[in-house]
Protein backbone atom coordinates (compact mmCIF):
# COMPACT_ATOMS: atom_id res chain seq x y z
CA MET A 1 -60.44 35.26 27.76
CA LYS A 2 -61.06 34.08 24.21
CA ILE A 3 -59.72 30.53 24.06
CA ILE A 4 -59.45 27.99 21.26
CA VAL A 5 -59.85 24.45 22.61
CA THR A 6 -58.87 21.63 20.27
CA GLY A 7 -60.50 18.25 20.83
CA GLY A 8 -63.27 19.82 22.90
CA CYS A 9 -65.78 17.05 22.18
CA GLY A 10 -63.49 14.46 23.75
CA PHE A 11 -63.28 13.38 27.36
CA ILE A 12 -60.90 15.96 28.83
CA GLY A 13 -61.77 18.56 26.21
CA SER A 14 -65.46 18.58 27.06
CA ALA A 15 -64.67 19.04 30.76
CA VAL A 16 -62.41 21.96 29.83
CA CYS A 17 -65.04 23.61 27.61
CA LEU A 18 -67.71 23.28 30.31
CA HIS A 19 -65.37 24.75 32.93
CA LEU A 20 -64.30 27.67 30.73
CA VAL A 21 -67.80 28.68 29.66
CA LEU A 22 -69.89 27.92 32.74
CA GLU A 23 -67.42 28.62 35.55
CA ARG A 24 -64.95 31.12 34.10
CA GLY A 25 -67.13 33.04 31.63
CA ASP A 26 -64.60 32.65 28.81
CA GLU A 27 -65.41 32.67 25.10
CA VAL A 28 -64.57 29.31 23.55
CA LEU A 29 -64.09 28.08 20.02
CA ASN A 30 -64.05 24.29 20.10
CA ILE A 31 -62.25 22.72 17.13
CA ASP A 32 -62.85 18.98 16.85
CA LYS A 33 -62.63 16.50 13.97
CA LEU A 34 -65.31 14.31 15.62
CA THR A 35 -63.49 11.00 15.52
CA TYR A 36 -64.93 7.84 17.07
CA ALA A 37 -64.26 8.95 20.66
CA ALA A 38 -65.79 12.43 20.33
CA ASN A 39 -69.32 13.08 21.50
CA PRO A 40 -70.98 16.48 20.95
CA ALA A 41 -73.64 15.41 23.48
CA SER A 42 -71.01 15.97 26.16
CA LEU A 43 -71.44 19.70 25.56
CA ALA A 44 -75.23 19.84 25.55
CA ALA A 45 -75.17 22.21 28.53
CA ILE A 46 -73.39 24.92 26.51
CA ALA A 47 -74.40 24.06 22.92
CA ASP A 48 -76.56 27.20 22.66
CA HIS A 49 -74.50 29.39 24.97
CA PRO A 50 -73.47 32.74 23.44
CA ASN A 51 -69.88 32.21 24.61
CA TYR A 52 -69.49 28.88 22.83
CA ASP A 53 -68.87 28.09 19.17
CA PHE A 54 -67.93 24.88 17.39
CA LEU A 55 -65.88 24.17 14.28
CA GLN A 56 -65.66 20.65 12.90
CA ALA A 57 -62.19 20.45 11.40
CA ASP A 58 -58.93 18.49 11.37
CA ILE A 59 -56.03 20.22 13.13
CA CYS A 60 -53.75 18.86 10.38
CA ASP A 61 -55.51 21.19 7.92
CA PHE A 62 -53.28 24.27 8.25
CA GLU A 63 -55.34 26.61 6.08
CA THR A 64 -58.50 25.88 8.04
CA MET A 65 -56.64 26.39 11.30
CA ARG A 66 -55.15 29.66 10.07
CA ALA A 67 -58.58 30.92 9.04
CA ALA A 68 -60.07 29.90 12.40
CA PHE A 69 -57.41 31.89 14.28
CA GLU A 70 -57.92 34.89 12.04
CA LYS A 71 -61.67 34.89 12.53
CA PHE A 72 -61.83 34.09 16.27
CA GLN A 73 -58.78 36.13 17.37
CA PRO A 74 -57.98 34.04 20.47
CA ASP A 75 -56.03 35.13 23.53
CA ALA A 76 -54.96 31.54 24.17
CA VAL A 77 -55.02 27.97 22.89
CA ILE A 78 -55.55 24.82 24.96
CA HIS A 79 -54.45 22.04 22.63
CA LEU A 80 -56.02 18.71 23.60
CA ALA A 81 -56.83 17.14 20.23
CA ALA A 82 -55.03 13.80 20.04
CA GLU A 83 -55.35 10.10 19.47
CA SER A 84 -54.89 8.84 23.01
CA HIS A 85 -55.47 5.11 23.42
CA VAL A 86 -52.22 3.17 23.82
CA ASP A 87 -53.74 -0.13 22.66
CA ARG A 88 -54.95 1.42 19.40
CA SER A 89 -51.53 2.96 18.79
CA ILE A 90 -49.96 -0.49 18.83
CA ASN A 91 -52.12 -1.61 15.92
CA ASN A 92 -52.25 1.66 13.97
CA ALA A 93 -49.34 3.96 14.77
CA HIS A 94 -49.73 6.07 11.61
CA VAL A 95 -52.82 7.97 12.71
CA PHE A 96 -51.17 8.75 16.06
CA LEU A 97 -48.12 10.25 14.38
CA GLN A 98 -50.27 12.18 11.92
CA THR A 99 -52.62 13.72 14.47
CA ASN A 100 -50.43 14.02 17.53
CA PHE A 101 -47.21 15.15 15.84
CA MET A 102 -48.10 16.71 12.49
CA GLY A 103 -51.38 18.09 13.86
CA THR A 104 -49.47 19.85 16.61
CA PHE A 105 -47.04 21.25 14.03
CA SER A 106 -49.95 22.60 11.96
CA LEU A 107 -51.54 24.21 15.01
CA LEU A 108 -48.27 25.76 16.17
CA GLU A 109 -47.78 27.34 12.77
CA ALA A 110 -51.34 28.68 12.68
CA ALA A 111 -50.88 30.09 16.19
CA ARG A 112 -47.55 31.66 15.22
CA ALA A 113 -49.06 33.35 12.15
CA HIS A 114 -51.82 34.78 14.36
CA TRP A 115 -49.45 35.80 17.18
CA ARG A 116 -47.07 37.68 14.89
CA LYS A 117 -49.89 39.99 13.73
CA LEU A 118 -51.07 40.89 17.23
CA PRO A 119 -50.37 44.32 18.74
CA ALA A 120 -47.59 44.34 21.34
CA ASP A 121 -49.85 44.07 24.41
CA LYS A 122 -51.80 41.16 22.93
CA ARG A 123 -48.59 39.42 21.85
CA GLU A 124 -47.30 39.66 25.39
CA GLY A 125 -50.42 38.02 26.84
CA PHE A 126 -50.96 35.27 24.25
CA ARG A 127 -50.48 31.68 25.44
CA PHE A 128 -50.34 28.28 23.71
CA LEU A 129 -50.81 25.38 26.13
CA HIS A 130 -50.03 21.91 24.81
CA VAL A 131 -51.68 19.21 26.94
CA SER A 132 -49.49 16.13 27.09
CA THR A 133 -49.17 13.01 29.23
CA ASP A 134 -46.95 11.49 31.89
CA GLU A 135 -46.41 8.53 29.55
CA VAL A 136 -43.68 10.49 27.73
CA TYR A 137 -41.43 9.83 30.75
CA GLY A 138 -41.60 6.04 30.40
CA SER A 139 -41.80 3.70 33.39
CA LEU A 140 -40.84 4.35 37.01
CA GLY A 141 -39.37 1.85 39.44
CA PRO A 142 -40.98 1.18 42.83
CA GLN A 143 -39.85 4.58 44.13
CA GLY A 144 -39.68 8.12 42.80
CA LEU A 145 -41.96 10.50 40.92
CA PHE A 146 -42.01 12.13 37.50
CA ARG A 147 -40.73 15.71 37.69
CA GLU A 148 -40.72 18.34 34.98
CA ASP A 149 -37.02 17.64 34.38
CA THR A 150 -37.40 13.84 34.18
CA PRO A 151 -35.80 12.60 30.91
CA TYR A 152 -38.18 11.39 28.21
CA ASP A 153 -38.31 7.64 27.65
CA PRO A 154 -41.57 6.77 25.78
CA SER A 155 -42.50 3.10 25.36
CA SER A 156 -45.50 3.05 22.99
CA PRO A 157 -46.30 4.64 19.62
CA TYR A 158 -48.80 6.83 21.49
CA SER A 159 -46.32 8.13 24.06
CA ALA A 160 -43.63 8.56 21.38
CA SER A 161 -46.00 10.69 19.28
CA LYS A 162 -46.81 12.85 22.30
CA ALA A 163 -43.14 13.16 23.24
CA GLY A 164 -42.38 14.34 19.71
CA ALA A 165 -45.16 16.92 19.96
CA ASP A 166 -43.77 18.14 23.29
CA HIS A 167 -40.40 18.72 21.65
CA LEU A 168 -42.02 20.67 18.81
CA VAL A 169 -43.79 22.92 21.30
CA THR A 170 -40.54 23.59 23.16
CA ALA A 171 -38.73 24.30 19.88
CA TRP A 172 -41.36 26.85 18.78
CA TRP A 173 -40.75 28.71 22.06
CA ARG A 174 -36.96 28.62 21.78
CA THR A 175 -36.73 29.31 18.04
CA TYR A 176 -39.65 31.62 17.32
CA GLY A 177 -40.52 33.01 20.74
CA LEU A 178 -44.09 31.73 20.53
CA PRO A 179 -45.24 31.76 24.19
CA THR A 180 -45.89 28.05 24.60
CA MET A 181 -46.31 25.90 27.71
CA ILE A 182 -46.66 22.15 28.25
CA SER A 183 -48.65 20.25 30.84
CA ASN A 184 -48.06 16.55 31.49
CA CYS A 185 -50.93 14.89 33.33
CA SER A 186 -51.49 11.55 34.99
CA ASN A 187 -54.36 9.19 34.10
CA ASN A 188 -57.66 11.06 33.94
CA TYR A 189 -60.98 9.55 34.94
CA GLY A 190 -64.52 10.84 35.40
CA PRO A 191 -67.75 11.40 33.44
CA ARG A 192 -67.95 11.30 29.64
CA GLN A 193 -64.94 9.06 28.94
CA PHE A 194 -65.01 6.75 25.93
CA PRO A 195 -65.35 3.16 27.20
CA GLU A 196 -62.10 1.81 25.75
CA LYS A 197 -60.26 3.24 28.79
CA LEU A 198 -59.89 1.18 31.97
CA ILE A 199 -62.51 2.61 34.33
CA PRO A 200 -65.50 3.02 31.97
CA HIS A 201 -64.57 -0.24 30.22
CA MET A 202 -64.81 -2.11 33.51
CA ILE A 203 -68.07 -0.38 34.44
CA PHE A 204 -69.73 -1.32 31.15
CA ASN A 205 -68.49 -4.90 31.23
CA ALA A 206 -69.69 -5.30 34.82
CA LEU A 207 -73.14 -3.96 33.97
CA GLN A 208 -73.40 -6.60 31.24
CA GLY A 209 -72.00 -9.42 33.38
CA LYS A 210 -68.96 -9.72 31.11
CA PRO A 211 -65.41 -10.56 32.27
CA LEU A 212 -63.33 -7.72 33.70
CA PRO A 213 -60.01 -8.24 31.87
CA ILE A 214 -56.90 -7.12 33.76
CA TYR A 215 -53.57 -7.07 31.94
CA GLY A 216 -50.83 -9.28 33.38
CA ASP A 217 -51.11 -9.65 37.15
CA GLY A 218 -52.75 -6.26 37.69
CA SER A 219 -49.75 -4.80 39.53
CA ASN A 220 -49.17 -1.92 37.08
CA VAL A 221 -49.52 1.39 38.93
CA ARG A 222 -51.10 4.61 37.71
CA ASP A 223 -51.62 7.99 39.37
CA TRP A 224 -55.28 8.97 38.92
CA LEU A 225 -56.59 12.51 38.35
CA TYR A 226 -60.27 13.48 38.33
CA VAL A 227 -61.01 15.20 35.02
CA GLU A 228 -62.65 18.30 36.51
CA ASP A 229 -59.57 18.91 38.67
CA HIS A 230 -57.51 18.70 35.48
CA ALA A 231 -59.75 21.22 33.71
CA ARG A 232 -59.21 23.72 36.52
CA ALA A 233 -55.45 23.17 36.34
CA LEU A 234 -55.32 23.86 32.60
CA ARG A 235 -57.21 27.15 32.91
CA LEU A 236 -54.89 28.19 35.72
CA ILE A 237 -51.79 27.41 33.65
CA VAL A 238 -53.14 29.52 30.79
CA GLU A 239 -53.78 32.41 33.18
CA LYS A 240 -50.70 32.27 35.43
CA GLY A 241 -48.18 29.91 33.85
CA ARG A 242 -44.84 31.12 32.50
CA PRO A 243 -44.02 30.75 28.79
CA GLY A 244 -41.45 28.08 28.07
CA GLU A 245 -42.33 26.14 31.23
CA LYS A 246 -43.72 22.65 31.86
CA TYR A 247 -46.22 21.79 34.57
CA ASN A 248 -46.93 18.25 35.80
CA VAL A 249 -50.53 17.73 36.90
CA GLY A 250 -51.29 14.73 39.13
CA GLY A 251 -53.75 13.73 41.79
CA HIS A 252 -51.46 11.96 44.31
CA ASN A 253 -53.65 8.89 43.83
CA GLU A 254 -51.43 5.91 43.03
CA ARG A 255 -53.32 2.64 42.61
CA THR A 256 -52.55 -0.68 40.95
CA ASN A 257 -54.92 -1.66 38.16
CA LEU A 258 -56.18 -4.50 40.34
CA GLN A 259 -56.93 -2.07 43.19
CA VAL A 260 -58.85 0.16 40.79
CA VAL A 261 -60.99 -2.68 39.50
CA LYS A 262 -61.69 -4.02 42.98
CA ALA A 263 -62.75 -0.54 44.12
CA LEU A 264 -65.09 -0.34 41.13
CA CYS A 265 -66.55 -3.72 41.98
CA SER A 266 -67.22 -2.64 45.55
CA LEU A 267 -69.03 0.52 44.39
CA LEU A 268 -71.06 -1.43 41.83
CA ASP A 269 -72.02 -3.99 44.48
CA GLU A 270 -73.45 -1.07 46.44
CA MET A 271 -75.02 0.94 43.59
CA HIS A 272 -75.96 -1.89 41.21
CA PRO A 273 -76.44 -4.93 43.48
CA ARG A 274 -78.19 -6.99 40.81
CA GLY A 275 -74.82 -8.14 39.49
CA ALA A 276 -73.06 -8.59 42.85
CA PRO A 277 -70.52 -9.76 43.70
CA HIS A 278 -68.81 -8.14 40.73
CA GLU A 279 -65.32 -9.32 41.73
CA ARG A 280 -66.26 -12.78 40.43
CA LEU A 281 -65.93 -11.27 36.92
CA ILE A 282 -62.24 -10.35 37.29
CA THR A 283 -60.12 -12.18 34.70
CA PHE A 284 -56.37 -11.90 34.12
CA VAL A 285 -55.34 -11.70 30.45
CA GLU A 286 -52.15 -11.44 28.41
CA ASP A 287 -50.27 -8.24 29.21
CA ARG A 288 -50.02 -5.31 26.83
CA PRO A 289 -46.77 -5.20 24.78
CA GLY A 290 -44.38 -2.63 26.28
CA HIS A 291 -46.66 -2.06 29.27
CA ASP A 292 -45.02 0.53 31.57
CA HIS A 293 -45.12 -0.66 35.16
CA ARG A 294 -45.57 2.52 37.17
CA TYR A 295 -46.42 6.19 36.64
CA ALA A 296 -46.58 8.78 39.42
CA ILE A 297 -46.55 12.57 39.17
CA ASP A 298 -44.78 15.10 41.34
CA ALA A 299 -47.20 18.04 41.17
CA THR A 300 -45.16 20.28 43.50
CA LYS A 301 -44.46 22.91 40.83
CA ILE A 302 -48.07 23.65 39.86
CA GLU A 303 -49.12 23.48 43.51
CA SER A 304 -46.43 25.82 44.83
CA GLU A 305 -46.14 28.25 41.90
CA LEU A 306 -49.76 28.47 40.74
CA GLY A 307 -51.69 27.42 43.85
CA TRP A 308 -53.55 24.49 42.27
CA ARG A 309 -54.77 21.56 44.37
CA ALA A 310 -56.82 18.52 43.37
CA ARG A 311 -60.19 18.69 45.09
CA GLU A 312 -61.16 15.06 44.62
CA SER A 313 -59.52 12.08 46.25
CA PHE A 314 -59.57 8.85 44.27
CA ASP A 315 -62.38 7.49 46.45
CA THR A 316 -64.64 10.54 46.09
CA GLY A 317 -63.92 10.90 42.38
CA LEU A 318 -64.51 7.22 41.65
CA ARG A 319 -67.86 7.28 43.45
CA LYS A 320 -68.95 10.29 41.39
CA THR A 321 -67.77 8.56 38.22
CA VAL A 322 -69.68 5.32 38.79
CA ARG A 323 -72.80 7.24 39.75
CA TRP A 324 -72.59 9.34 36.58
CA TYR A 325 -72.35 6.32 34.25
CA LEU A 326 -75.22 4.58 36.00
CA ASP A 327 -77.38 7.71 35.65
CA ASN A 328 -76.45 8.64 32.07
CA GLU A 329 -77.12 5.70 29.80
CA ASP A 330 -78.61 8.18 27.31
CA TRP A 331 -75.07 9.56 26.86
CA TRP A 332 -73.05 6.36 26.50
CA ARG A 333 -75.39 3.98 24.69
CA PRO A 334 -75.72 6.08 21.47
CA LEU A 335 -71.93 6.58 21.51
CA LEU A 336 -71.32 2.84 21.67
CA GLU A 337 -73.79 2.19 18.86
CA ARG A 338 -72.34 4.93 16.64
CA SER A 339 -68.69 3.98 17.17
CA GLY A 340 -69.18 0.24 16.82
CA TYR A 341 -67.06 -0.36 19.92
CA ARG A 342 -68.12 -3.52 21.74
CA GLY A 343 -65.38 -3.87 24.31
CA GLN A 344 -63.13 -5.95 22.05
CA ARG A 345 -59.47 -6.40 23.03
CA LEU A 346 -57.13 -3.96 21.29
CA GLY A 347 -53.35 -3.67 21.21
CA LEU A 348 -52.30 -7.26 20.67
CA LEU A 349 -49.42 -7.77 18.23
CA ASP A 350 -51.18 -8.68 15.01
CA VAL A 351 -49.17 -8.56 11.80
CA GLU A 352 -52.28 -8.03 9.65
CA ASN A 353 -53.22 -4.88 11.56
CA ALA A 354 -49.73 -3.50 12.16
């Protein structure tokens, strides 16, 4: 297939591009604005591959998007480009609404203009997959799972912007017939993730002997999904998913934040014993405003209808993740230096930055 991937230099996007080109033999056009969290080095393995091309552009730029569709003539779109860090959305909601909502609108319109010109057989096969998050559903109680029909109840500017984008995608299917689909995934982890997110943030702090800050009492629960399992799921949805449908993608790996950090400490004690015991660095800090207590995905639909299964357990995936960061300082150190990120706390209510 010929597939446009937006945000392909980001964490999930790079895993998707690598999977499509190296494992599926697809032709890929990666469209990425190259914001602070993007790293072209993530795609070094396919940078010169004949099936891979890159366009640096903002998805909010409709004319550039329209021209990209016209030139590349894609069979499908996997739309990943988004501002994704909840803490940053608390301090700067505008950029999240602009990219996640208006950017999705721009891309939908560019895709619709392309789709309308396709011959009948190509129109029938075209797919637009919008990659969303389980955070649009809000917070679960101690029991239950997010299903595709769970009502939306977003708590943060980030999740609200993604929920709005989901509704746009559904509307473009119902109103215009554009063959769209939505996937809502649980927390991703794995190689090549920007260090503002929990797992790489804790790894980097531990390597430097810095405190490992855990919000509140650490009892917040997330369902963890290894990023390469997610990449396989997205390609499968594009190939076999039904237009107008939603697919929840989760790893059946519920852990509290405290359990995650303790598991990381145990692995670092083994793989990087110089700083052991790393649990001594755990520090509890003020909780995030509006912090949802529990997320957990019911992935029955994608498993039963499309035959997808996560290959990695949380334990196997976490071991691979820690090993990758320890072995790839040449990837993360230049990214930290270029972005200026130093592990500072984000997301506190600060009137000056609101």
